[in-house]
Full PDB file with SEQRES, HELIX, SHEET, SSBOND, CRYST1, ORIGX, SCALE, CONECT and MASTER records, all heavy atoms in Angstrom:
SEQRES   1 A   30  THR SER LEU ALA ASP TYR ASN LEU TYR VAL LEU GLU GLY          
SEQRES   2 A   30  ALA ASP GLY LYS ASP CYS ASN ALA ALA ALA PHE GLY GLU          
SEQRES   3 A   30  ASN ASN ILE LEU                                              
HELIX    1 AA1 LEU A    3  ASP A    5  5                                   3    
SHEET    1 AA1 3 ASN A   7  LEU A   8  0                                        
SHEET    2 AA1 3 ASN A  28  ILE A  29  1                                        
SHEET    3 AA1 3 ALA A  23  PHE A  24 -1                                        
CRYST1    1.000    1.000    1.000  90.00  90.00  90.00 P 1           1          
ORIGX1      1.000000  0.000000  0.000000        0.00000                         
ORIGX2      0.000000  1.000000  0.000000        0.00000                         
ORIGX3      0.000000  0.000000  1.000000        0.00000                         
SCALE1      1.000000  0.000000  0.000000        0.00000                         
SCALE2      0.000000  1.000000  0.000000        0.00000                         
SCALE3      0.000000  0.000000  1.000000        0.00000                         
ATOM      1  N   THR A   1       1.178   6.506  16.313  1.00  0.00           N  
ATOM      2  CA  THR A   1       0.032   5.761  15.835  1.00  0.00           C  
ATOM      3  C   THR A   1       0.184   4.294  16.026  1.00  0.00           C  
ATOM      4  O   THR A   1       1.234   3.854  16.567  1.00  0.00           O  
ATOM      5  CB  THR A   1      -0.239   6.088  14.346  1.00  0.00           C  
ATOM      6  OG1 THR A   1       0.873   5.717  13.543  1.00  0.00           O  
ATOM      7  CG2 THR A   1      -0.506   7.604  14.163  1.00  0.00           C  
ATOM      8  N   SER A   2      -0.740   3.521  15.520  1.00  0.00           N  
ATOM      9  CA  SER A   2      -0.603   2.031  15.544  1.00  0.00           C  
ATOM     10  C   SER A   2      -0.859   1.476  14.201  1.00  0.00           C  
ATOM     11  O   SER A   2      -1.437   2.155  13.306  1.00  0.00           O  
ATOM     12  CB  SER A   2      -1.540   1.451  16.610  1.00  0.00           C  
ATOM     13  OG  SER A   2      -2.834   1.412  16.060  1.00  0.00           O  
ATOM     14  N   LEU A   3      -0.456   0.165  14.028  1.00  0.00           N  
ATOM     15  CA  LEU A   3      -0.620  -0.476  12.748  1.00  0.00           C  
ATOM     16  C   LEU A   3      -2.120  -0.566  12.455  1.00  0.00           C  
ATOM     17  O   LEU A   3      -2.512  -0.532  11.199  1.00  0.00           O  
ATOM     18  CB  LEU A   3      -0.073  -1.870  12.818  1.00  0.00           C  
ATOM     19  CG  LEU A   3       1.447  -1.970  12.765  1.00  0.00           C  
ATOM     20  CD1 LEU A   3       1.888  -3.423  13.059  1.00  0.00           C  
ATOM     21  CD2 LEU A   3       1.982  -1.538  11.455  1.00  0.00           C  
ATOM     22  N   ALA A   4      -2.984  -0.606  13.457  1.00  0.00           N  
ATOM     23  CA  ALA A   4      -4.385  -0.696  13.234  1.00  0.00           C  
ATOM     24  C   ALA A   4      -5.003   0.530  12.590  1.00  0.00           C  
ATOM     25  O   ALA A   4      -6.159   0.506  12.067  1.00  0.00           O  
ATOM     26  CB  ALA A   4      -5.170  -0.990  14.562  1.00  0.00           C  
ATOM     27  N   ASP A   5      -4.234   1.670  12.603  1.00  0.00           N  
ATOM     28  CA  ASP A   5      -4.731   2.876  11.990  1.00  0.00           C  
ATOM     29  C   ASP A   5      -4.631   2.842  10.518  1.00  0.00           C  
ATOM     30  O   ASP A   5      -5.118   3.765   9.838  1.00  0.00           O  
ATOM     31  CB  ASP A   5      -3.877   4.063  12.515  1.00  0.00           C  
ATOM     32  CG  ASP A   5      -4.105   4.354  13.994  1.00  0.00           C  
ATOM     33  OD1 ASP A   5      -5.169   3.948  14.505  1.00  0.00           O  
ATOM     34  OD2 ASP A   5      -3.224   4.978  14.647  1.00  0.00           O  
ATOM     35  N   TYR A   6      -3.950   1.820   9.925  1.00  0.00           N  
ATOM     36  CA  TYR A   6      -3.737   1.840   8.475  1.00  0.00           C  
ATOM     37  C   TYR A   6      -4.378   0.541   7.896  1.00  0.00           C  
ATOM     38  O   TYR A   6      -4.318  -0.503   8.506  1.00  0.00           O  
ATOM     39  CB  TYR A   6      -2.246   1.819   8.145  1.00  0.00           C  
ATOM     40  CG  TYR A   6      -1.580   3.094   8.613  1.00  0.00           C  
ATOM     41  CD1 TYR A   6      -0.784   3.113   9.770  1.00  0.00           C  
ATOM     42  CD2 TYR A   6      -1.718   4.290   7.898  1.00  0.00           C  
ATOM     43  CE1 TYR A   6      -0.227   4.274  10.184  1.00  0.00           C  
ATOM     44  CE2 TYR A   6      -1.092   5.463   8.327  1.00  0.00           C  
ATOM     45  CZ  TYR A   6      -0.350   5.414   9.447  1.00  0.00           C  
ATOM     46  OH  TYR A   6       0.254   6.611   9.885  1.00  0.00           O  
ATOM     47  N   ASN A   7      -4.865   0.618   6.678  1.00  0.00           N  
ATOM     48  CA  ASN A   7      -5.277  -0.490   5.854  1.00  0.00           C  
ATOM     49  C   ASN A   7      -4.137  -0.740   4.929  1.00  0.00           C  
ATOM     50  O   ASN A   7      -3.769   0.154   4.144  1.00  0.00           O  
ATOM     51  CB  ASN A   7      -6.575  -0.221   5.119  1.00  0.00           C  
ATOM     52  CG  ASN A   7      -7.753  -0.039   6.025  1.00  0.00           C  
ATOM     53  OD1 ASN A   7      -7.876  -0.685   7.010  1.00  0.00           O  
ATOM     54  ND2 ASN A   7      -8.574   0.943   5.664  1.00  0.00           N  
ATOM     55  N   LEU A   8      -3.531  -1.939   4.928  1.00  0.00           N  
ATOM     56  CA  LEU A   8      -2.334  -2.220   4.177  1.00  0.00           C  
ATOM     57  C   LEU A   8      -2.702  -3.119   3.007  1.00  0.00           C  
ATOM     58  O   LEU A   8      -3.411  -4.117   3.139  1.00  0.00           O  
ATOM     59  CB  LEU A   8      -1.311  -2.866   5.032  1.00  0.00           C  
ATOM     60  CG  LEU A   8      -0.926  -2.062   6.274  1.00  0.00           C  
ATOM     61  CD1 LEU A   8      -0.022  -2.850   7.173  1.00  0.00           C  
ATOM     62  CD2 LEU A   8      -0.298  -0.704   5.860  1.00  0.00           C  
ATOM     63  N   TYR A   9      -2.328  -2.742   1.778  1.00  0.00           N  
ATOM     64  CA  TYR A   9      -2.601  -3.463   0.561  1.00  0.00           C  
ATOM     65  C   TYR A   9      -1.358  -3.778  -0.214  1.00  0.00           C  
ATOM     66  O   TYR A   9      -0.327  -3.031  -0.070  1.00  0.00           O  
ATOM     67  CB  TYR A   9      -3.523  -2.609  -0.287  1.00  0.00           C  
ATOM     68  CG  TYR A   9      -4.872  -2.416   0.256  1.00  0.00           C  
ATOM     69  CD1 TYR A   9      -5.155  -1.327   1.118  1.00  0.00           C  
ATOM     70  CD2 TYR A   9      -5.914  -3.246  -0.035  1.00  0.00           C  
ATOM     71  CE1 TYR A   9      -6.452  -1.096   1.582  1.00  0.00           C  
ATOM     72  CE2 TYR A   9      -7.162  -3.107   0.515  1.00  0.00           C  
ATOM     73  CZ  TYR A   9      -7.413  -2.008   1.361  1.00  0.00           C  
ATOM     74  OH  TYR A   9      -8.675  -1.774   1.862  1.00  0.00           O  
ATOM     75  N   VAL A  10      -1.450  -4.783  -1.041  1.00  0.00           N  
ATOM     76  CA  VAL A  10      -0.350  -5.188  -1.914  1.00  0.00           C  
ATOM     77  C   VAL A  10      -0.834  -5.064  -3.340  1.00  0.00           C  
ATOM     78  O   VAL A  10      -1.924  -5.492  -3.630  1.00  0.00           O  
ATOM     79  CB  VAL A  10       0.172  -6.657  -1.663  1.00  0.00           C  
ATOM     80  CG1 VAL A  10       1.256  -7.093  -2.668  1.00  0.00           C  
ATOM     81  CG2 VAL A  10       0.684  -6.790  -0.236  1.00  0.00           C  
ATOM     82  N   LEU A  11      -0.001  -4.434  -4.196  1.00  0.00           N  
ATOM     83  CA  LEU A  11      -0.330  -4.278  -5.592  1.00  0.00           C  
ATOM     84  C   LEU A  11       0.637  -5.210  -6.338  1.00  0.00           C  
ATOM     85  O   LEU A  11       1.844  -5.160  -6.280  1.00  0.00           O  
ATOM     86  CB  LEU A  11      -0.067  -2.875  -6.061  1.00  0.00           C  
ATOM     87  CG  LEU A  11      -1.067  -1.795  -5.710  1.00  0.00           C  
ATOM     88  CD1 LEU A  11      -0.562  -0.458  -6.038  1.00  0.00           C  
ATOM     89  CD2 LEU A  11      -2.331  -2.093  -6.347  1.00  0.00           C  
ATOM     90  N   GLU A  12       0.029  -6.109  -7.171  1.00  0.00           N  
ATOM     91  CA  GLU A  12       0.810  -6.972  -8.011  1.00  0.00           C  
ATOM     92  C   GLU A  12       1.229  -6.160  -9.291  1.00  0.00           C  
ATOM     93  O   GLU A  12       0.294  -5.742  -9.976  1.00  0.00           O  
ATOM     94  CB  GLU A  12       0.046  -8.221  -8.386  1.00  0.00           C  
ATOM     95  CG  GLU A  12      -0.407  -9.046  -7.186  1.00  0.00           C  
ATOM     96  CD  GLU A  12       0.720  -9.714  -6.497  1.00  0.00           C  
ATOM     97  OE1 GLU A  12       1.822  -9.851  -6.994  1.00  0.00           O  
ATOM     98  OE2 GLU A  12       0.523 -10.053  -5.265  1.00  0.00           O  
ATOM     99  N   GLY A  13       2.505  -6.060  -9.582  1.00  0.00           N  
ATOM    100  CA  GLY A  13       2.896  -5.354 -10.787  1.00  0.00           C  
ATOM    101  C   GLY A  13       2.809  -6.246 -11.988  1.00  0.00           C  
ATOM    102  O   GLY A  13       2.638  -7.455 -11.860  1.00  0.00           O  
ATOM    103  N   ALA A  14       2.948  -5.647 -13.180  1.00  0.00           N  
ATOM    104  CA  ALA A  14       2.839  -6.419 -14.377  1.00  0.00           C  
ATOM    105  C   ALA A  14       3.941  -7.410 -14.486  1.00  0.00           C  
ATOM    106  O   ALA A  14       3.750  -8.564 -14.930  1.00  0.00           O  
ATOM    107  CB  ALA A  14       2.888  -5.468 -15.616  1.00  0.00           C  
ATOM    108  N   ASP A  15       5.187  -7.035 -14.055  1.00  0.00           N  
ATOM    109  CA  ASP A  15       6.272  -7.943 -14.175  1.00  0.00           C  
ATOM    110  C   ASP A  15       6.814  -8.384 -12.782  1.00  0.00           C  
ATOM    111  O   ASP A  15       7.789  -9.077 -12.641  1.00  0.00           O  
ATOM    112  CB  ASP A  15       7.414  -7.345 -14.967  1.00  0.00           C  
ATOM    113  CG  ASP A  15       7.955  -6.046 -14.399  1.00  0.00           C  
ATOM    114  OD1 ASP A  15       7.477  -5.643 -13.312  1.00  0.00           O  
ATOM    115  OD2 ASP A  15       8.814  -5.468 -15.023  1.00  0.00           O  
ATOM    116  N   GLY A  16       6.138  -7.911 -11.682  1.00  0.00           N  
ATOM    117  CA  GLY A  16       6.534  -8.236 -10.363  1.00  0.00           C  
ATOM    118  C   GLY A  16       7.799  -7.436  -9.904  1.00  0.00           C  
ATOM    119  O   GLY A  16       8.280  -7.685  -8.822  1.00  0.00           O  
ATOM    120  N   LYS A  17       8.402  -6.558 -10.733  1.00  0.00           N  
ATOM    121  CA  LYS A  17       9.601  -5.867 -10.340  1.00  0.00           C  
ATOM    122  C   LYS A  17       9.346  -4.343 -10.138  1.00  0.00           C  
ATOM    123  O   LYS A  17      10.249  -3.633  -9.848  1.00  0.00           O  
ATOM    124  CB  LYS A  17      10.654  -6.040 -11.391  1.00  0.00           C  
ATOM    125  CG  LYS A  17      11.067  -7.526 -11.454  1.00  0.00           C  
ATOM    126  CD  LYS A  17      12.257  -7.671 -12.297  1.00  0.00           C  
ATOM    127  CE  LYS A  17      12.532  -9.149 -12.393  1.00  0.00           C  
ATOM    128  NZ  LYS A  17      13.874  -9.551 -12.688  1.00  0.00           N  
ATOM    129  N   ASP A  18       8.074  -3.925 -10.250  1.00  0.00           N  
ATOM    130  CA  ASP A  18       7.721  -2.547  -9.988  1.00  0.00           C  
ATOM    131  C   ASP A  18       7.896  -2.270  -8.495  1.00  0.00           C  
ATOM    132  O   ASP A  18       7.278  -2.881  -7.650  1.00  0.00           O  
ATOM    133  CB  ASP A  18       6.267  -2.293 -10.417  1.00  0.00           C  
ATOM    134  CG  ASP A  18       5.843  -0.834 -10.257  1.00  0.00           C  
ATOM    135  OD1 ASP A  18       6.689   0.023 -10.275  1.00  0.00           O  
ATOM    136  OD2 ASP A  18       4.614  -0.638 -10.036  1.00  0.00           O  
ATOM    137  N   CYS A  19       8.837  -1.375  -8.166  1.00  0.00           N  
ATOM    138  CA  CYS A  19       9.200  -1.134  -6.798  1.00  0.00           C  
ATOM    139  C   CYS A  19       8.606   0.222  -6.347  1.00  0.00           C  
ATOM    140  O   CYS A  19       9.235   1.247  -6.693  1.00  0.00           O  
ATOM    141  CB  CYS A  19      10.714  -1.130  -6.684  1.00  0.00           C  
ATOM    142  SG  CYS A  19      11.286  -1.219  -4.971  1.00  0.00           S  
ATOM    143  N   ASN A  20       7.442   0.210  -5.737  1.00  0.00           N  
ATOM    144  CA  ASN A  20       6.784   1.474  -5.436  1.00  0.00           C  
ATOM    145  C   ASN A  20       5.792   1.308  -4.261  1.00  0.00           C  
ATOM    146  O   ASN A  20       5.513   0.175  -3.854  1.00  0.00           O  
ATOM    147  CB  ASN A  20       5.958   1.942  -6.707  1.00  0.00           C  
ATOM    148  CG  ASN A  20       5.754   3.377  -6.731  1.00  0.00           C  
ATOM    149  OD1 ASN A  20       6.052   4.129  -5.741  1.00  0.00           O  
ATOM    150  ND2 ASN A  20       5.302   3.842  -7.887  1.00  0.00           N  
ATOM    151  N   ALA A  21       5.297   2.396  -3.738  1.00  0.00           N  
ATOM    152  CA  ALA A  21       4.354   2.426  -2.696  1.00  0.00           C  
ATOM    153  C   ALA A  21       3.515   3.651  -2.889  1.00  0.00           C  
ATOM    154  O   ALA A  21       3.917   4.564  -3.545  1.00  0.00           O  
ATOM    155  CB  ALA A  21       4.953   2.362  -1.319  1.00  0.00           C  
ATOM    156  N   ALA A  22       2.310   3.679  -2.343  1.00  0.00           N  
ATOM    157  CA  ALA A  22       1.411   4.817  -2.412  1.00  0.00           C  
ATOM    158  C   ALA A  22       0.457   4.913  -1.239  1.00  0.00           C  
ATOM    159  O   ALA A  22       0.169   3.848  -0.665  1.00  0.00           O  
ATOM    160  CB  ALA A  22       0.583   4.734  -3.777  1.00  0.00           C  
ATOM    161  N   ALA A  23       0.095   6.122  -0.864  1.00  0.00           N  
ATOM    162  CA  ALA A  23      -0.936   6.283   0.108  1.00  0.00           C  
ATOM    163  C   ALA A  23      -2.159   6.730  -0.615  1.00  0.00           C  
ATOM    164  O   ALA A  23      -2.122   7.437  -1.635  1.00  0.00           O  
ATOM    165  CB  ALA A  23      -0.446   7.402   1.061  1.00  0.00           C  
ATOM    166  N   PHE A  24      -3.317   6.332  -0.122  1.00  0.00           N  
ATOM    167  CA  PHE A  24      -4.592   6.518  -0.835  1.00  0.00           C  
ATOM    168  C   PHE A  24      -5.709   6.672   0.190  1.00  0.00           C  
ATOM    169  O   PHE A  24      -5.864   5.870   1.063  1.00  0.00           O  
ATOM    170  CB  PHE A  24      -4.870   5.367  -1.791  1.00  0.00           C  
ATOM    171  CG  PHE A  24      -6.007   5.562  -2.664  1.00  0.00           C  
ATOM    172  CD1 PHE A  24      -5.904   6.297  -3.838  1.00  0.00           C  
ATOM    173  CD2 PHE A  24      -7.213   4.996  -2.379  1.00  0.00           C  
ATOM    174  CE1 PHE A  24      -6.985   6.523  -4.652  1.00  0.00           C  
ATOM    175  CE2 PHE A  24      -8.349   5.225  -3.204  1.00  0.00           C  
ATOM    176  CZ  PHE A  24      -8.210   5.987  -4.312  1.00  0.00           C  
ATOM    177  N   GLY A  25      -6.513   7.688  -0.002  1.00  0.00           N  
ATOM    178  CA  GLY A  25      -7.709   7.895   0.811  1.00  0.00           C  
ATOM    179  C   GLY A  25      -7.431   8.219   2.252  1.00  0.00           C  
ATOM    180  O   GLY A  25      -6.418   8.821   2.578  1.00  0.00           O  
ATOM    181  N   GLU A  26      -8.282   7.767   3.100  1.00  0.00           N  
ATOM    182  CA  GLU A  26      -8.252   8.148   4.553  1.00  0.00           C  
ATOM    183  C   GLU A  26      -6.999   7.501   5.239  1.00  0.00           C  
ATOM    184  O   GLU A  26      -6.396   8.141   6.020  1.00  0.00           O  
ATOM    185  CB  GLU A  26      -9.493   7.690   5.248  1.00  0.00           C  
ATOM    186  CG  GLU A  26     -10.727   8.451   4.825  1.00  0.00           C  
ATOM    187  CD  GLU A  26     -10.673   9.872   5.239  1.00  0.00           C  
ATOM    188  OE1 GLU A  26     -10.282  10.211   6.374  1.00  0.00           O  
ATOM    189  OE2 GLU A  26     -11.111  10.754   4.398  1.00  0.00           O  
ATOM    190  N   ASN A  27      -6.799   6.191   5.025  1.00  0.00           N  
ATOM    191  CA  ASN A  27      -5.746   5.523   5.745  1.00  0.00           C  
ATOM    192  C   ASN A  27      -5.249   4.246   4.995  1.00  0.00           C  
ATOM    193  O   ASN A  27      -4.873   3.273   5.644  1.00  0.00           O  
ATOM    194  CB  ASN A  27      -6.229   5.136   7.107  1.00  0.00           C  
ATOM    195  CG  ASN A  27      -7.453   4.205   7.075  1.00  0.00           C  
ATOM    196  OD1 ASN A  27      -8.060   3.997   6.007  1.00  0.00           O  
ATOM    197  ND2 ASN A  27      -7.851   3.658   8.156  1.00  0.00           N  
ATOM    198  N   ASN A  28      -5.196   4.291   3.721  1.00  0.00           N  
ATOM    199  CA  ASN A  28      -4.782   3.124   2.954  1.00  0.00           C  
ATOM    200  C   ASN A  28      -3.335   3.274   2.424  1.00  0.00           C  
ATOM    201  O   ASN A  28      -2.943   4.372   1.848  1.00  0.00           O  
ATOM    202  CB  ASN A  28      -5.676   2.951   1.706  1.00  0.00           C  
ATOM    203  CG  ASN A  28      -7.116   2.815   2.125  1.00  0.00           C  
ATOM    204  OD1 ASN A  28      -7.448   1.958   2.902  1.00  0.00           O  
ATOM    205  ND2 ASN A  28      -7.974   3.757   1.689  1.00  0.00           N  
ATOM    206  N   ILE A  29      -2.557   2.301   2.590  1.00  0.00           N  
ATOM    207  CA  ILE A  29      -1.103   2.289   2.129  1.00  0.00           C  
ATOM    208  C   ILE A  29      -1.019   1.085   1.197  1.00  0.00           C  
ATOM    209  O   ILE A  29      -1.301  -0.037   1.631  1.00  0.00           O  
ATOM    210  CB  ILE A  29      -0.073   2.276   3.193  1.00  0.00           C  
ATOM    211  CG1 ILE A  29      -0.187   3.584   4.034  1.00  0.00           C  
ATOM    212  CG2 ILE A  29       1.299   2.101   2.575  1.00  0.00           C  
ATOM    213  CD1 ILE A  29       0.822   3.650   5.207  1.00  0.00           C  
ATOM    214  N   LEU A  30      -0.561   1.309  -0.059  1.00  0.00           N  
ATOM    215  CA  LEU A  30      -0.364   0.278  -0.994  1.00  0.00           C  
ATOM    216  C   LEU A  30       1.100   0.070  -1.239  1.00  0.00           C  
ATOM    217  O   LEU A  30       1.797   1.045  -1.373  1.00  0.00           O  
ATOM    218  CB  LEU A  30      -1.028   0.657  -2.324  1.00  0.00           C  
ATOM    219  CG  LEU A  30      -2.517   0.866  -2.329  1.00  0.00           C  
ATOM    220  CD1 LEU A  30      -2.895   2.274  -1.819  1.00  0.00           C  
ATOM    221  CD2 LEU A  30      -3.101   0.685  -3.681  1.00  0.00           C  
TER     222      LEU A  30                                                      
MASTER        0    0    0    1    3    0    0    6  221    1    0    3          
END                                                                             
């Protein structure tokens, strides 16, 4: 695949130390 296939998002954590990622919907990666 290519990078263009994904919508990339950043989640700001409450304390900035939450170390996580998630996939959501058709092509979203947080």
